[in-house]
Amino acid sequence: MPPFVTAIQFVPGGPRVTGYWETEPPAARKWVEWFGLYGVPGTSTVITLVEQRPDSSERSLKRWPDEPPAGSDHRIA
């Protein structure tokens, strides 16, 4: 599976849209695009960009908001 993953989830516990890329630049562009379209303060939307490493660990590269909304159960990559 490609190592760079961009994901967006609009409601806690709801489905998420996920994209996978072999390199970071296109994944980062998608993150910026989604942030521009859906990054509205006060909503429960969470947008992430992570790198999946060969040892199965993940490194968070970008997340909006920095922390999940209060009372949210968002736990997305």
PDB file of N, CA and C in Angstrom:
ATOM      1  N   MET A   1       0.845  -1.170   0.000  1.00  0.00           N
ATOM      2  CA  MET A   1       0.000   0.000   0.000  1.00  0.00           C
ATOM      3  C   MET A   1       0.900   1.246   0.000  1.00  0.00           C
ATOM      4  N   PRO A   2       0.553   2.260  -0.778  1.00  0.00           N
ATOM      5  CA  PRO A   2       1.362   3.484  -0.805  1.00  0.00           C
ATOM      6  C   PRO A   2       1.486   4.098   0.589  1.00  0.00           C
ATOM      7  N   PRO A   3       2.633   4.721   0.875  1.00  0.00           N
ATOM      8  CA  PRO A   3       2.898   5.168   2.238  1.00  0.00           C
ATOM      9  C   PRO A   3       2.230   6.471   2.682  1.00  0.00           C
ATOM     10  N   PHE A   4       1.785   7.325   1.775  1.00  0.00           N
ATOM     11  CA  PHE A   4       1.221   8.614   2.184  1.00  0.00           C
ATOM     12  C   PHE A   4      -0.296   8.572   2.071  1.00  0.00           C
ATOM     13  N   VAL A   5      -0.960   8.883   3.190  1.00  0.00           N
ATOM     14  CA  VAL A   5      -2.408   8.741   3.283  1.00  0.00           C
ATOM     15  C   VAL A   5      -3.024  10.067   3.723  1.00  0.00           C
ATOM     16  N   THR A   6      -3.966  10.559   2.930  1.00  0.00           N
ATOM     17  CA  THR A   6      -4.757  11.724   3.297  1.00  0.00           C
ATOM     18  C   THR A   6      -6.169  11.230   3.570  1.00  0.00           C
ATOM     19  N   ALA A   7      -6.754  11.684   4.684  1.00  0.00           N
ATOM     20  CA  ALA A   7      -8.101  11.241   5.050  1.00  0.00           C
ATOM     21  C   ALA A   7      -8.919  12.421   5.554  1.00  0.00           C
ATOM     22  N   ILE A   8     -10.227  12.358   5.314  1.00  0.00           N
ATOM     23  CA  ILE A   8     -11.161  13.352   5.836  1.00  0.00           C
ATOM     24  C   ILE A   8     -12.365  12.609   6.388  1.00  0.00           C
ATOM     25  N   GLN A   9     -12.810  13.068   7.543  1.00  0.00           N
ATOM     26  CA  GLN A   9     -13.992  12.488   8.180  1.00  0.00           C
ATOM     27  C   GLN A   9     -14.850  13.656   8.655  1.00  0.00           C
ATOM     28  N   PHE A  10     -16.109  13.659   8.252  1.00  0.00           N
ATOM     29  CA  PHE A  10     -16.983  14.792   8.531  1.00  0.00           C
ATOM     30  C   PHE A  10     -17.699  14.705   9.869  1.00  0.00           C
ATOM     31  N   VAL A  11     -18.004  13.510  10.331  1.00  0.00           N
ATOM     32  CA  VAL A  11     -18.691  13.341  11.614  1.00  0.00           C
ATOM     33  C   VAL A  11     -18.015  12.226  12.400  1.00  0.00           C
ATOM     34  N   PRO A  12     -17.926  12.373  13.728  1.00  0.00           N
ATOM     35  CA  PRO A  12     -17.321  11.323  14.542  1.00  0.00           C
ATOM     36  C   PRO A  12     -18.006   9.982  14.307  1.00  0.00           C
ATOM     37  N   GLY A  13     -17.207   8.961  14.091  1.00  0.00           N
ATOM     38  CA  GLY A  13     -17.743   7.625  13.873  1.00  0.00           C
ATOM     39  C   GLY A  13     -18.304   7.385  12.489  1.00  0.00           C
ATOM     40  N   GLY A  14     -18.315   8.421  11.653  1.00  0.00           N
ATOM     41  CA  GLY A  14     -18.852   8.289  10.304  1.00  0.00           C
ATOM     42  C   GLY A  14     -17.812   7.756   9.333  1.00  0.00           C
ATOM     43  N   PRO A  15     -18.219   7.562   8.094  1.00  0.00           N
ATOM     44  CA  PRO A  15     -17.267   7.082   7.089  1.00  0.00           C
ATOM     45  C   PRO A  15     -16.213   8.147   6.806  1.00  0.00           C
ATOM     46  N   ARG A  16     -15.118   7.724   6.241  1.00  0.00           N
ATOM     47  CA  ARG A  16     -14.083   8.679   5.861  1.00  0.00           C
ATOM     48  C   ARG A  16     -13.688   8.458   4.413  1.00  0.00           C
ATOM     49  N   VAL A  17     -13.216   9.518   3.822  1.00  0.00           N
ATOM     50  CA  VAL A  17     -12.685   9.472   2.462  1.00  0.00           C
ATOM     51  C   VAL A  17     -11.171   9.411   2.607  1.00  0.00           C
ATOM     52  N   THR A  18     -10.540   8.473   1.907  1.00  0.00           N
ATOM     53  CA  THR A  18      -9.107   8.251   2.054  1.00  0.00           C
ATOM     54  C   THR A  18      -8.446   8.189   0.688  1.00  0.00           C
ATOM     55  N   GLY A  19      -7.291   8.831   0.567  1.00  0.00           N
ATOM     56  CA  GLY A  19      -6.493   8.765  -0.654  1.00  0.00           C
ATOM     57  C   GLY A  19      -5.094   8.292  -0.315  1.00  0.00           C
ATOM     58  N   TYR A  20      -4.491   7.515  -1.211  1.00  0.00           N
ATOM     59  CA  TYR A  20      -3.158   6.950  -1.002  1.00  0.00           C
ATOM     60  C   TYR A  20      -2.235   7.400  -2.121  1.00  0.00           C
ATOM     61  N   TRP A  21      -0.994   7.804  -1.771  1.00  0.00           N
ATOM     62  CA  TRP A  21      -0.020   8.262  -2.753  1.00  0.00           C
ATOM     63  C   TRP A  21       1.347   7.662  -2.459  1.00  0.00           C
ATOM     64  N   GLU A  22       2.118   7.478  -3.509  1.00  0.00           N
ATOM     65  CA  GLU A  22       3.479   6.948  -3.387  1.00  0.00           C
ATOM     66  C   GLU A  22       4.454   7.994  -2.859  1.00  0.00           C
ATOM     67  N   THR A  23       4.188   9.271  -3.127  1.00  0.00           N
ATOM     68  CA  THR A  23       5.078  10.347  -2.691  1.00  0.00           C
ATOM     69  C   THR A  23       4.281  11.392  -1.915  1.00  0.00           C
ATOM     70  N   GLU A  24       4.987  12.186  -1.112  1.00  0.00           N
ATOM     71  CA  GLU A  24       4.315  13.157  -0.253  1.00  0.00           C
ATOM     72  C   GLU A  24       3.700  14.349  -0.988  1.00  0.00           C
ATOM     73  N   PRO A  25       4.331  14.927  -2.025  1.00  0.00           N
ATOM     74  CA  PRO A  25       3.766  16.147  -2.629  1.00  0.00           C
ATOM     75  C   PRO A  25       2.308  16.042  -3.086  1.00  0.00           C
ATOM     76  N   PRO A  26       1.895  15.005  -3.819  1.00  0.00           N
ATOM     77  CA  PRO A  26       0.478  14.967  -4.205  1.00  0.00           C
ATOM     78  C   PRO A  26      -0.453  14.745  -3.009  1.00  0.00           C
ATOM     79  N   ALA A  27      -0.006  13.996  -2.018  1.00  0.00           N
ATOM     80  CA  ALA A  27      -0.821  13.795  -0.814  1.00  0.00           C
ATOM     81  C   ALA A  27      -0.989  15.114  -0.071  1.00  0.00           C
ATOM     82  N   ALA A  28       0.079  15.898   0.017  1.00  0.00           N
ATOM     83  CA  ALA A  28       0.010  17.204   0.682  1.00  0.00           C
ATOM     84  C   ALA A  28      -0.886  18.166  -0.091  1.00  0.00           C
ATOM     85  N   ARG A  29      -0.844  18.119  -1.413  1.00  0.00           N
ATOM     86  CA  ARG A  29      -1.730  18.979  -2.216  1.00  0.00           C
ATOM     87  C   ARG A  29      -3.196  18.628  -1.969  1.00  0.00           C
ATOM     88  N   LYS A  30      -3.502  17.342  -1.866  1.00  0.00           N
ATOM     89  CA  LYS A  30      -4.881  16.929  -1.588  1.00  0.00           C
ATOM     90  C   LYS A  30      -5.301  17.411  -0.203  1.00  0.00           C
ATOM     91  N   TRP A  31      -4.410  17.308   0.791  1.00  0.00           N
ATOM     92  CA  TRP A  31      -4.719  17.795   2.136  1.00  0.00           C
ATOM     93  C   TRP A  31      -5.063  19.287   2.089  1.00  0.00           C
ATOM     94  N   VAL A  32      -4.246  20.067   1.385  1.00  0.00           N
ATOM     95  CA  VAL A  32      -4.490  21.510   1.259  1.00  0.00           C
ATOM     96  C   VAL A  32      -5.823  21.767   0.557  1.00  0.00           C
ATOM     97  N   GLU A  33      -6.115  21.006  -0.492  1.00  0.00           N
ATOM     98  CA  GLU A  33      -7.386  21.157  -1.208  1.00  0.00           C
ATOM     99  C   GLU A  33      -8.563  20.886  -0.272  1.00  0.00           C
ATOM    100  N   TRP A  34      -8.510  19.768   0.462  1.00  0.00           N
ATOM    101  CA  TRP A  34      -9.598  19.444   1.386  1.00  0.00           C
ATOM    102  C   TRP A  34      -9.709  20.476   2.497  1.00  0.00           C
ATOM    103  N   PHE A  35      -8.567  20.961   3.001  1.00  0.00           N
ATOM    104  CA  PHE A  35      -8.597  21.989   4.040  1.00  0.00           C
ATOM    105  C   PHE A  35      -9.290  23.248   3.512  1.00  0.00           C
ATOM    106  N   GLY A  36      -8.973  23.654   2.291  1.00  0.00           N
ATOM    107  CA  GLY A  36      -9.597  24.825   1.686  1.00  0.00           C
ATOM    108  C   GLY A  36     -11.093  24.662   1.486  1.00  0.00           C
ATOM    109  N   LEU A  37     -11.523  23.467   1.163  1.00  0.00           N
ATOM    110  CA  LEU A  37     -12.946  23.210   0.922  1.00  0.00           C
ATOM    111  C   LEU A  37     -13.741  22.948   2.202  1.00  0.00           C
ATOM    112  N   TYR A  38     -13.153  22.229   3.141  1.00  0.00           N
ATOM    113  CA  TYR A  38     -13.919  21.716   4.278  1.00  0.00           C
ATOM    114  C   TYR A  38     -13.392  22.118   5.655  1.00  0.00           C
ATOM    115  N   GLY A  39     -12.274  22.830   5.726  1.00  0.00           N
ATOM    116  CA  GLY A  39     -11.683  23.208   7.009  1.00  0.00           C
ATOM    117  C   GLY A  39     -12.385  24.394   7.645  1.00  0.00           C
ATOM    118  N   VAL A  40     -13.590  24.177   8.121  1.00  0.00           N
ATOM    119  CA  VAL A  40     -14.409  25.242   8.698  1.00  0.00           C
ATOM    120  C   VAL A  40     -14.386  25.132  10.224  1.00  0.00           C
ATOM    121  N   PRO A  41     -13.912  26.176  10.927  1.00  0.00           N
ATOM    122  CA  PRO A  41     -13.909  26.128  12.390  1.00  0.00           C
ATOM    123  C   PRO A  41     -15.311  25.884  12.941  1.00  0.00           C
ATOM    124  N   GLY A  42     -15.370  25.135  14.031  1.00  0.00           N
ATOM    125  CA  GLY A  42     -16.645  24.861  14.677  1.00  0.00           C
ATOM    126  C   GLY A  42     -17.370  23.636  14.150  1.00  0.00           C
ATOM    127  N   THR A  43     -16.821  22.993  13.127  1.00  0.00           N
ATOM    128  CA  THR A  43     -17.428  21.764  12.615  1.00  0.00           C
ATOM    129  C   THR A  43     -16.698  20.563  13.213  1.00  0.00           C
ATOM    130  N   SER A  44     -17.205  19.382  12.980  1.00  0.00           N
ATOM    131  CA  SER A  44     -16.563  18.176  13.503  1.00  0.00           C
ATOM    132  C   SER A  44     -15.632  17.530  12.476  1.00  0.00           C
ATOM    133  N   THR A  45     -15.383  18.208  11.363  1.00  0.00           N
ATOM    134  CA  THR A  45     -14.520  17.668  10.311  1.00  0.00           C
ATOM    135  C   THR A  45     -13.078  17.536  10.799  1.00  0.00           C
ATOM    136  N   VAL A  46     -12.441  16.402  10.473  1.00  0.00           N
ATOM    137  CA  VAL A  46     -11.031  16.170  10.774  1.00  0.00           C
ATOM    138  C   VAL A  46     -10.344  15.769   9.472  1.00  0.00           C
ATOM    139  N   ILE A  47      -9.215  16.438   9.165  1.00  0.00           N
ATOM    140  CA  ILE A  47      -8.449  16.175   7.945  1.00  0.00           C
ATOM    141  C   ILE A  47      -7.031  15.807   8.371  1.00  0.00           C
ATOM    142  N   THR A  48      -6.523  14.681   7.868  1.00  0.00           N
ATOM    143  CA  THR A  48      -5.194  14.232   8.277  1.00  0.00           C
ATOM    144  C   THR A  48      -4.333  13.856   7.075  1.00  0.00           C
ATOM    145  N   LEU A  49      -3.028  13.934   7.289  1.00  0.00           N
ATOM    146  CA  LEU A  49      -2.035  13.422   6.343  1.00  0.00           C
ATOM    147  C   LEU A  49      -1.016  12.668   7.175  1.00  0.00           C
ATOM    148  N   VAL A  50      -0.844  11.380   6.883  1.00  0.00           N
ATOM    149  CA  VAL A  50       0.113  10.564   7.620  1.00  0.00           C
ATOM    150  C   VAL A  50       1.018   9.814   6.651  1.00  0.00           C
ATOM    151  N   GLU A  51       2.173   9.440   7.170  1.00  0.00           N
ATOM    152  CA  GLU A  51       3.094   8.562   6.449  1.00  0.00           C
ATOM    153  C   GLU A  51       3.062   7.208   7.140  1.00  0.00           C
ATOM    154  N   GLN A  52       2.742   6.160   6.391  1.00  0.00           N
ATOM    155  CA  GLN A  52       2.760   4.806   6.931  1.00  0.00           C
ATOM    156  C   GLN A  52       4.154   4.238   6.686  1.00  0.00           C
ATOM    157  N   ARG A  53       4.829   3.877   7.760  1.00  0.00           N
ATOM    158  CA  ARG A  53       6.205   3.390   7.671  1.00  0.00           C
ATOM    159  C   ARG A  53       6.237   1.874   7.475  1.00  0.00           C
ATOM    160  N   PRO A  54       7.360   1.356   6.963  1.00  0.00           N
ATOM    161  CA  PRO A  54       7.476  -0.087   6.719  1.00  0.00           C
ATOM    162  C   PRO A  54       7.258  -0.943   7.968  1.00  0.00           C
ATOM    163  N   ASP A  55       7.557  -0.396   9.163  1.00  0.00           N
ATOM    164  CA  ASP A  55       7.360  -1.168  10.395  1.00  0.00           C
ATOM    165  C   ASP A  55       5.917  -1.081  10.906  1.00  0.00           C
ATOM    166  N   SER A  56       5.006  -0.567  10.068  1.00  0.00           N
ATOM    167  CA  SER A  56       3.570  -0.422  10.366  1.00  0.00           C
ATOM    168  C   SER A  56       3.242   0.732  11.307  1.00  0.00           C
ATOM    169  N   SER A  57       4.250   1.511  11.711  1.00  0.00           N
ATOM    170  CA  SER A  57       3.954   2.699  12.509  1.00  0.00           C
ATOM    171  C   SER A  57       3.538   3.829  11.567  1.00  0.00           C
ATOM    172  N   GLU A  58       2.949   4.874  12.127  1.00  0.00           N
ATOM    173  CA  GLU A  58       2.523   6.025  11.337  1.00  0.00           C
ATOM    174  C   GLU A  58       3.144   7.290  11.905  1.00  0.00           C
ATOM    175  N   ARG A  59       3.481   8.207  11.009  1.00  0.00           N
ATOM    176  CA  ARG A  59       3.990   9.518  11.413  1.00  0.00           C
ATOM    177  C   ARG A  59       2.995  10.553  10.923  1.00  0.00           C
ATOM    178  N   SER A  60       2.436  11.326  11.858  1.00  0.00           N
ATOM    179  CA  SER A  60       1.481  12.364  11.504  1.00  0.00           C
ATOM    180  C   SER A  60       2.227  13.538  10.882  1.00  0.00           C
ATOM    181  N   LEU A  61       1.824  13.928   9.670  1.00  0.00           N
ATOM    182  CA  LEU A  61       2.452  15.049   8.984  1.00  0.00           C
ATOM    183  C   LEU A  61       1.618  16.319   9.101  1.00  0.00           C
ATOM    184  N   LYS A  62       0.300  16.191   8.996  1.00  0.00           N
ATOM    185  CA  LYS A  62      -0.613  17.333   9.117  1.00  0.00           C
ATOM    186  C   LYS A  62      -1.927  16.839   9.696  1.00  0.00           C
ATOM    187  N   ARG A  63      -2.553  17.698  10.488  1.00  0.00           N
ATOM    188  CA  ARG A  63      -3.869  17.378  11.038  1.00  0.00           C
ATOM    189  C   ARG A  63      -4.621  18.682  11.248  1.00  0.00           C
ATOM    190  N   TRP A  64      -5.892  18.693  10.862  1.00  0.00           N
ATOM    191  CA  TRP A  64      -6.748  19.838  11.155  1.00  0.00           C
ATOM    192  C   TRP A  64      -8.062  19.328  11.694  1.00  0.00           C
ATOM    193  N   PRO A  65      -8.544  19.857  12.789  1.00  0.00           N
ATOM    194  CA  PRO A  65      -7.801  20.767  13.662  1.00  0.00           C
ATOM    195  C   PRO A  65      -6.661  20.026  14.352  1.00  0.00           C
ATOM    196  N   ASP A  66      -5.797  20.775  15.042  1.00  0.00           N
ATOM    197  CA  ASP A  66      -4.653  20.144  15.714  1.00  0.00           C
ATOM    198  C   ASP A  66      -5.092  19.057  16.682  1.00  0.00           C
ATOM    199  N   GLU A  67      -6.215  19.265  17.320  1.00  0.00           N
ATOM    200  CA  GLU A  67      -6.798  18.286  18.241  1.00  0.00           C
ATOM    201  C   GLU A  67      -8.232  18.025  17.803  1.00  0.00           C
ATOM    202  N   PRO A  68      -8.755  16.824  18.030  1.00  0.00           N
ATOM    203  CA  PRO A  68     -10.155  16.559  17.678  1.00  0.00           C
ATOM    204  C   PRO A  68     -11.088  17.508  18.427  1.00  0.00           C
ATOM    205  N   PRO A  69     -12.248  17.821  17.862  1.00  0.00           N
ATOM    206  CA  PRO A  69     -13.218  18.676  18.547  1.00  0.00           C
ATOM    207  C   PRO A  69     -13.616  18.088  19.900  1.00  0.00           C
ATOM    208  N   ALA A  70     -13.921  18.958  20.865  1.00  0.00           N
ATOM    209  CA  ALA A  70     -14.323  18.519  22.203  1.00  0.00           C
ATOM    210  C   ALA A  70     -15.508  17.562  22.105  1.00  0.00           C
ATOM    211  N   GLY A  71     -15.442  16.481  22.857  1.00  0.00           N
ATOM    212  CA  GLY A  71     -16.525  15.509  22.865  1.00  0.00           C
ATOM    213  C   GLY A  71     -16.529  14.588  21.660  1.00  0.00           C
ATOM    214  N   SER A  72     -15.531  14.724  20.796  1.00  0.00           N
ATOM    215  CA  SER A  72     -15.472  13.926  19.574  1.00  0.00           C
ATOM    216  C   SER A  72     -14.791  12.595  19.844  1.00  0.00           C
ATOM    217  N   ASP A  73     -15.185  11.580  19.098  1.00  0.00           N
ATOM    218  CA  ASP A  73     -14.495  10.295  19.179  1.00  0.00           C
ATOM    219  C   ASP A  73     -13.656  10.065  17.928  1.00  0.00           C
ATOM    220  N   HIS A  74     -13.288  11.162  17.241  1.00  0.00           N
ATOM    221  CA  HIS A  74     -12.477  11.037  16.022  1.00  0.00           C
ATOM    222  C   HIS A  74     -11.161  10.351  16.341  1.00  0.00           C
ATOM    223  N   ARG A  75     -10.903   9.300  15.638  1.00  0.00           N
ATOM    224  CA  ARG A  75      -9.619   8.606  15.731  1.00  0.00           C
ATOM    225  C   ARG A  75      -9.296   8.110  14.338  1.00  0.00           C
ATOM    226  N   ILE A  76      -8.859   9.026  13.494  1.00  0.00           N
ATOM    227  CA  ILE A  76      -8.540   8.615  12.133  1.00  0.00           C
ATOM    228  C   ILE A  76      -7.069   8.818  11.880  1.00  0.00           C
ATOM    229  N   ALA A  77      -6.540   8.048  10.968  1.00  0.00           N
ATOM    230  CA  ALA A  77      -5.137   8.143  10.612  1.00  0.00           C
ATOM    231  C   ALA A  77      -4.842   9.446   9.938  1.00  0.00           C
TER     232      ALA A  77
END
